[in-house]
């Protein structure tokens, strides 16, 4: 397990994908903010679901 904290500014989703690809990981686990009625409420989670490939993506509450 690896935890990495980065300052992504307004490009958080892109920063997460970049770290995932450079790290050679097989699984990416991200949390989500908010308690809305939709499962994927955050813009970062939505971005990752749309852009992620070549691995397993877990979005957990």
PDB file of N, CA and C in Angstrom:
ATOM      1  N   UNK A   1       0.841  -1.160   0.000  1.00  0.00           N
ATOM      2  CA  UNK A   1       0.000   0.000   0.000  1.00  0.00           C
ATOM      3  C   UNK A   1       0.894   1.234   0.000  1.00  0.00           C
ATOM      4  N   UNK A   2       0.461   2.225  -0.755  1.00  0.00           N
ATOM      5  CA  UNK A   2       1.201   3.482  -0.812  1.00  0.00           C
ATOM      6  C   UNK A   2       0.209   4.628  -0.723  1.00  0.00           C
ATOM      7  N   UNK A   3       0.510   5.578   0.103  1.00  0.00           N
ATOM      8  CA  UNK A   3      -0.299   6.787   0.220  1.00  0.00           C
ATOM      9  C   UNK A   3       0.573   7.943  -0.232  1.00  0.00           C
ATOM     10  N   UNK A   4       0.041   8.749  -1.132  1.00  0.00           N
ATOM     11  CA  UNK A   4       0.804   9.858  -1.686  1.00  0.00           C
ATOM     12  C   UNK A   4      -0.056  11.111  -1.620  1.00  0.00           C
ATOM     13  N   UNK A   5       0.486  12.158  -1.046  1.00  0.00           N
ATOM     14  CA  UNK A   5      -0.233  13.418  -0.957  1.00  0.00           C
ATOM     15  C   UNK A   5       0.439  14.408  -1.891  1.00  0.00           C
ATOM     16  N   UNK A   6      -0.369  15.001  -2.770  1.00  0.00           N
ATOM     17  CA  UNK A   6       0.164  15.945  -3.751  1.00  0.00           C
ATOM     18  C   UNK A   6      -0.703  17.186  -3.796  1.00  0.00           C
ATOM     19  N   UNK A   7      -0.100  18.273  -4.206  1.00  0.00           N
ATOM     20  CA  UNK A   7      -0.836  19.503  -4.446  1.00  0.00           C
ATOM     21  C   UNK A   7      -1.174  19.540  -5.918  1.00  0.00           C
ATOM     22  N   UNK A   8      -2.421  19.209  -6.239  1.00  0.00           N
ATOM     23  CA  UNK A   8      -2.818  19.124  -7.641  1.00  0.00           C
ATOM     24  C   UNK A   8      -3.482  20.374  -8.163  1.00  0.00           C
ATOM     25  N   UNK A   9      -3.757  21.338  -7.298  1.00  0.00           N
ATOM     26  CA  UNK A   9      -4.415  22.552  -7.756  1.00  0.00           C
ATOM     27  C   UNK A   9      -5.764  22.231  -8.368  1.00  0.00           C
ATOM     28  N   UNK A  10      -6.020  22.768  -9.546  1.00  0.00           N
ATOM     29  CA  UNK A  10      -7.293  22.551 -10.214  1.00  0.00           C
ATOM     30  C   UNK A  10      -7.275  21.340 -11.137  1.00  0.00           C
ATOM     31  N   UNK A  11      -6.168  20.603 -11.165  1.00  0.00           N
ATOM     32  CA  UNK A  11      -6.037  19.437 -12.038  1.00  0.00           C
ATOM     33  C   UNK A  11      -5.852  18.171 -11.203  1.00  0.00           C
ATOM     34  N   UNK A  12      -6.670  17.990 -10.212  1.00  0.00           N
ATOM     35  CA  UNK A  12      -6.514  16.875  -9.285  1.00  0.00           C
ATOM     36  C   UNK A  12      -6.634  15.544 -10.007  1.00  0.00           C
ATOM     37  N   UNK A  13      -7.648  15.385 -10.827  1.00  0.00           N
ATOM     38  CA  UNK A  13      -7.840  14.127 -11.546  1.00  0.00           C
ATOM     39  C   UNK A  13      -6.653  13.781 -12.433  1.00  0.00           C
ATOM     40  N   UNK A  14      -6.140  14.761 -13.151  1.00  0.00           N
ATOM     41  CA  UNK A  14      -4.982  14.532 -14.020  1.00  0.00           C
ATOM     42  C   UNK A  14      -3.749  14.191 -13.200  1.00  0.00           C
ATOM     43  N   UNK A  15      -3.579  14.832 -12.058  1.00  0.00           N
ATOM     44  CA  UNK A  15      -2.442  14.538 -11.184  1.00  0.00           C
ATOM     45  C   UNK A  15      -2.517  13.115 -10.642  1.00  0.00           C
ATOM     46  N   UNK A  16      -3.709  12.671 -10.293  1.00  0.00           N
ATOM     47  CA  UNK A  16      -3.897  11.306  -9.790  1.00  0.00           C
ATOM     48  C   UNK A  16      -3.554  10.302 -10.884  1.00  0.00           C
ATOM     49  N   UNK A  17      -4.063  10.524 -12.092  1.00  0.00           N
ATOM     50  CA  UNK A  17      -3.767   9.610 -13.196  1.00  0.00           C
ATOM     51  C   UNK A  17      -2.273   9.577 -13.517  1.00  0.00           C
ATOM     52  N   UNK A  18      -1.633  10.707 -13.480  1.00  0.00           N
ATOM     53  CA  UNK A  18      -0.196  10.780 -13.752  1.00  0.00           C
ATOM     54  C   UNK A  18       0.594   9.976 -12.720  1.00  0.00           C
ATOM     55  N   UNK A  19       0.260  10.133 -11.449  1.00  0.00           N
ATOM     56  CA  UNK A  19       0.945   9.387 -10.387  1.00  0.00           C
ATOM     57  C   UNK A  19       0.693   7.891 -10.530  1.00  0.00           C
ATOM     58  N   UNK A  20      -0.518   7.513 -10.899  1.00  0.00           N
ATOM     59  CA  UNK A  20      -0.863   6.100 -11.098  1.00  0.00           C
ATOM     60  C   UNK A  20      -0.026   5.507 -12.232  1.00  0.00           C
ATOM     61  N   UNK A  21       0.045   6.191 -13.338  1.00  0.00           N
ATOM     62  CA  UNK A  21       0.775   5.682 -14.496  1.00  0.00           C
ATOM     63  C   UNK A  21       2.278   5.619 -14.253  1.00  0.00           C
ATOM     64  N   UNK A  22       2.829   6.636 -13.627  1.00  0.00           N
ATOM     65  CA  UNK A  22       4.267   6.652 -13.338  1.00  0.00           C
ATOM     66  C   UNK A  22       4.652   5.615 -12.291  1.00  0.00           C
ATOM     67  N   UNK A  23       3.733   5.320 -11.379  1.00  0.00           N
ATOM     68  CA  UNK A  23       4.022   4.375 -10.296  1.00  0.00           C
ATOM     69  C   UNK A  23       3.925   2.925 -10.694  1.00  0.00           C
ATOM     70  N   UNK A  24       3.337   2.634 -11.851  1.00  0.00           N
ATOM     71  CA  UNK A  24       3.212   1.258 -12.308  1.00  0.00           C
ATOM     72  C   UNK A  24       2.268   0.416 -11.465  1.00  0.00           C
ATOM     73  N   UNK A  25       1.249   1.038 -10.907  1.00  0.00           N
ATOM     74  CA  UNK A  25       0.304   0.339 -10.049  1.00  0.00           C
ATOM     75  C   UNK A  25      -0.733  -0.411 -10.879  1.00  0.00           C
ATOM     76  N   UNK A  26      -1.382  -1.403 -10.260  1.00  0.00           N
ATOM     77  CA  UNK A  26      -2.437  -2.150 -10.928  1.00  0.00           C
ATOM     78  C   UNK A  26      -3.821  -1.770 -10.462  1.00  0.00           C
ATOM     79  N   UNK A  27      -3.897  -1.106  -9.309  1.00  0.00           N
ATOM     80  CA  UNK A  27      -5.188  -0.719  -8.735  1.00  0.00           C
ATOM     81  C   UNK A  27      -5.101   0.699  -8.198  1.00  0.00           C
ATOM     82  N   UNK A  28      -6.154   1.465  -8.426  1.00  0.00           N
ATOM     83  CA  UNK A  28      -6.262   2.822  -7.891  1.00  0.00           C
ATOM     84  C   UNK A  28      -7.517   2.885  -7.039  1.00  0.00           C
ATOM     85  N   UNK A  29      -7.356   3.296  -5.783  1.00  0.00           N
ATOM     86  CA  UNK A  29      -8.478   3.415  -4.857  1.00  0.00           C
ATOM     87  C   UNK A  29      -8.612   4.878  -4.477  1.00  0.00           C
ATOM     88  N   UNK A  30      -9.806   5.435  -4.684  1.00  0.00           N
ATOM     89  CA  UNK A  30     -10.057   6.829  -4.330  1.00  0.00           C
ATOM     90  C   UNK A  30     -11.338   6.911  -3.514  1.00  0.00           C
ATOM     91  N   UNK A  31     -11.397   7.879  -2.642  1.00  0.00           N
ATOM     92  CA  UNK A  31     -12.610   8.147  -1.884  1.00  0.00           C
ATOM     93  C   UNK A  31     -13.446   9.169  -2.622  1.00  0.00           C
ATOM     94  N   UNK A  32     -14.597   9.449  -2.057  1.00  0.00           N
ATOM     95  CA  UNK A  32     -15.448  10.471  -2.661  1.00  0.00           C
ATOM     96  C   UNK A  32     -15.965  11.373  -1.566  1.00  0.00           C
ATOM     97  N   UNK A  33     -16.261  12.598  -1.928  1.00  0.00           N
ATOM     98  CA  UNK A  33     -16.809  13.564  -0.979  1.00  0.00           C
ATOM     99  C   UNK A  33     -18.290  13.689  -1.212  1.00  0.00           C
ATOM    100  N   UNK A  34     -18.969  14.138  -0.193  1.00  0.00           N
ATOM    101  CA  UNK A  34     -20.387  14.416  -0.335  1.00  0.00           C
ATOM    102  C   UNK A  34     -21.248  13.200  -0.067  1.00  0.00           C
ATOM    103  N   UNK A  35     -22.462  13.457   0.269  1.00  0.00           N
ATOM    104  CA  UNK A  35     -23.406  12.393   0.573  1.00  0.00           C
ATOM    105  C   UNK A  35     -24.627  12.516  -0.317  1.00  0.00           C
ATOM    106  N   UNK A  36     -24.421  12.890  -1.551  1.00  0.00           N
ATOM    107  CA  UNK A  36     -25.524  13.055  -2.494  1.00  0.00           C
ATOM    108  C   UNK A  36     -26.176  11.726  -2.832  1.00  0.00           C
ATOM    109  N   UNK A  37     -27.264  11.803  -3.574  1.00  0.00           N
ATOM    110  CA  UNK A  37     -28.010  10.607  -3.936  1.00  0.00           C
ATOM    111  C   UNK A  37     -27.307   9.808  -5.032  1.00  0.00           C
ATOM    112  N   UNK A  38     -26.473  10.460  -5.830  1.00  0.00           N
ATOM    113  CA  UNK A  38     -25.755   9.762  -6.881  1.00  0.00           C
ATOM    114  C   UNK A  38     -24.534   9.074  -6.290  1.00  0.00           C
ATOM    115  N   UNK A  39     -24.159   7.927  -6.878  1.00  0.00           N
ATOM    116  CA  UNK A  39     -22.997   7.197  -6.375  1.00  0.00           C
ATOM    117  C   UNK A  39     -21.715   7.976  -6.607  1.00  0.00           C
ATOM    118  N   UNK A  40     -21.505   8.468  -7.823  1.00  0.00           N
ATOM    119  CA  UNK A  40     -20.302   9.241  -8.141  1.00  0.00           C
ATOM    120  C   UNK A  40     -20.673  10.718  -8.134  1.00  0.00           C
ATOM    121  N   UNK A  41     -20.469  11.369  -7.015  1.00  0.00           N
ATOM    122  CA  UNK A  41     -20.892  12.757  -6.912  1.00  0.00           C
ATOM    123  C   UNK A  41     -19.772  13.748  -7.207  1.00  0.00           C
ATOM    124  N   UNK A  42     -18.534  13.353  -6.999  1.00  0.00           N
ATOM    125  CA  UNK A  42     -17.443  14.299  -7.159  1.00  0.00           C
ATOM    126  C   UNK A  42     -16.930  14.403  -8.580  1.00  0.00           C
ATOM    127  N   UNK A  43     -16.429  15.567  -8.929  1.00  0.00           N
ATOM    128  CA  UNK A  43     -15.911  15.772 -10.279  1.00  0.00           C
ATOM    129  C   UNK A  43     -14.641  14.965 -10.519  1.00  0.00           C
ATOM    130  N   UNK A  44     -13.813  14.778  -9.484  1.00  0.00           N
ATOM    131  CA  UNK A  44     -12.594  13.988  -9.640  1.00  0.00           C
ATOM    132  C   UNK A  44     -12.945  12.523  -9.884  1.00  0.00           C
ATOM    133  N   UNK A  45     -13.866  11.976  -9.104  1.00  0.00           N
ATOM    134  CA  UNK A  45     -14.302  10.587  -9.307  1.00  0.00           C
ATOM    135  C   UNK A  45     -14.884  10.400 -10.697  1.00  0.00           C
ATOM    136  N   UNK A  46     -15.701  11.334 -11.117  1.00  0.00           N
ATOM    137  CA  UNK A  46     -16.311  11.262 -12.449  1.00  0.00           C
ATOM    138  C   UNK A  46     -15.237  11.306 -13.544  1.00  0.00           C
ATOM    139  N   UNK A  47     -14.259  12.192 -13.394  1.00  0.00           N
ATOM    140  CA  UNK A  47     -13.162  12.284 -14.349  1.00  0.00           C
ATOM    141  C   UNK A  47     -12.396  10.966 -14.420  1.00  0.00           C
ATOM    142  N   UNK A  48     -12.075  10.394 -13.259  1.00  0.00           N
ATOM    143  CA  UNK A  48     -11.311   9.149 -13.233  1.00  0.00           C
ATOM    144  C   UNK A  48     -12.087   8.001 -13.863  1.00  0.00           C
ATOM    145  N   UNK A  49     -13.383   7.921 -13.603  1.00  0.00           N
ATOM    146  CA  UNK A  49     -14.195   6.865 -14.203  1.00  0.00           C
ATOM    147  C   UNK A  49     -14.166   6.980 -15.725  1.00  0.00           C
ATOM    148  N   UNK A  50     -14.183   8.194 -16.241  1.00  0.00           N
ATOM    149  CA  UNK A  50     -14.196   8.406 -17.692  1.00  0.00           C
ATOM    150  C   UNK A  50     -12.828   8.222 -18.340  1.00  0.00           C
ATOM    151  N   UNK A  51     -11.753   8.511 -17.632  1.00  0.00           N
ATOM    152  CA  UNK A  51     -10.415   8.517 -18.229  1.00  0.00           C
ATOM    153  C   UNK A  51      -9.568   7.304 -17.876  1.00  0.00           C
ATOM    154  N   UNK A  52      -9.933   6.558 -16.867  1.00  0.00           N
ATOM    155  CA  UNK A  52      -9.094   5.470 -16.351  1.00  0.00           C
ATOM    156  C   UNK A  52      -9.116   4.264 -17.280  1.00  0.00           C
ATOM    157  N   UNK A  53      -7.959   3.622 -17.446  1.00  0.00           N
ATOM    158  CA  UNK A  53      -7.870   2.378 -18.218  1.00  0.00           C
ATOM    159  C   UNK A  53      -6.658   1.583 -17.730  1.00  0.00           C
ATOM    160  N   UNK A  54      -6.594   0.348 -18.148  1.00  0.00           N
ATOM    161  CA  UNK A  54      -5.445  -0.521 -17.850  1.00  0.00           C
ATOM    162  C   UNK A  54      -5.227  -0.752 -16.362  1.00  0.00           C
ATOM    163  N   UNK A  55      -6.274  -1.066 -15.654  1.00  0.00           N
ATOM    164  CA  UNK A  55      -6.151  -1.379 -14.231  1.00  0.00           C
ATOM    165  C   UNK A  55      -7.511  -1.439 -13.577  1.00  0.00           C
ATOM    166  N   UNK A  56      -7.504  -1.579 -12.279  1.00  0.00           N
ATOM    167  CA  UNK A  56      -8.738  -1.606 -11.509  1.00  0.00           C
ATOM    168  C   UNK A  56      -8.913  -0.278 -10.785  1.00  0.00           C
ATOM    169  N   UNK A  57     -10.096   0.299 -10.882  1.00  0.00           N
ATOM    170  CA  UNK A  57     -10.415   1.558 -10.208  1.00  0.00           C
ATOM    171  C   UNK A  57     -11.507   1.296  -9.190  1.00  0.00           C
ATOM    172  N   UNK A  58     -11.227   1.595  -7.932  1.00  0.00           N
ATOM    173  CA  UNK A  58     -12.228   1.478  -6.866  1.00  0.00           C
ATOM    174  C   UNK A  58     -12.575   2.877  -6.381  1.00  0.00           C
ATOM    175  N   UNK A  59     -13.838   3.219  -6.414  1.00  0.00           N
ATOM    176  CA  UNK A  59     -14.318   4.482  -5.835  1.00  0.00           C
ATOM    177  C   UNK A  59     -15.158   4.100  -4.630  1.00  0.00           C
ATOM    178  N   UNK A  60     -14.670   4.445  -3.455  1.00  0.00           N
ATOM    179  CA  UNK A  60     -15.328   4.027  -2.216  1.00  0.00           C
ATOM    180  C   UNK A  60     -15.919   5.221  -1.495  1.00  0.00           C
ATOM    181  N   UNK A  61     -17.025   5.002  -0.783  1.00  0.00           N
ATOM    182  CA  UNK A  61     -17.648   6.110  -0.029  1.00  0.00           C
ATOM    183  C   UNK A  61     -16.818   6.529   1.165  1.00  0.00           C
TER     184      UNK A  61
END
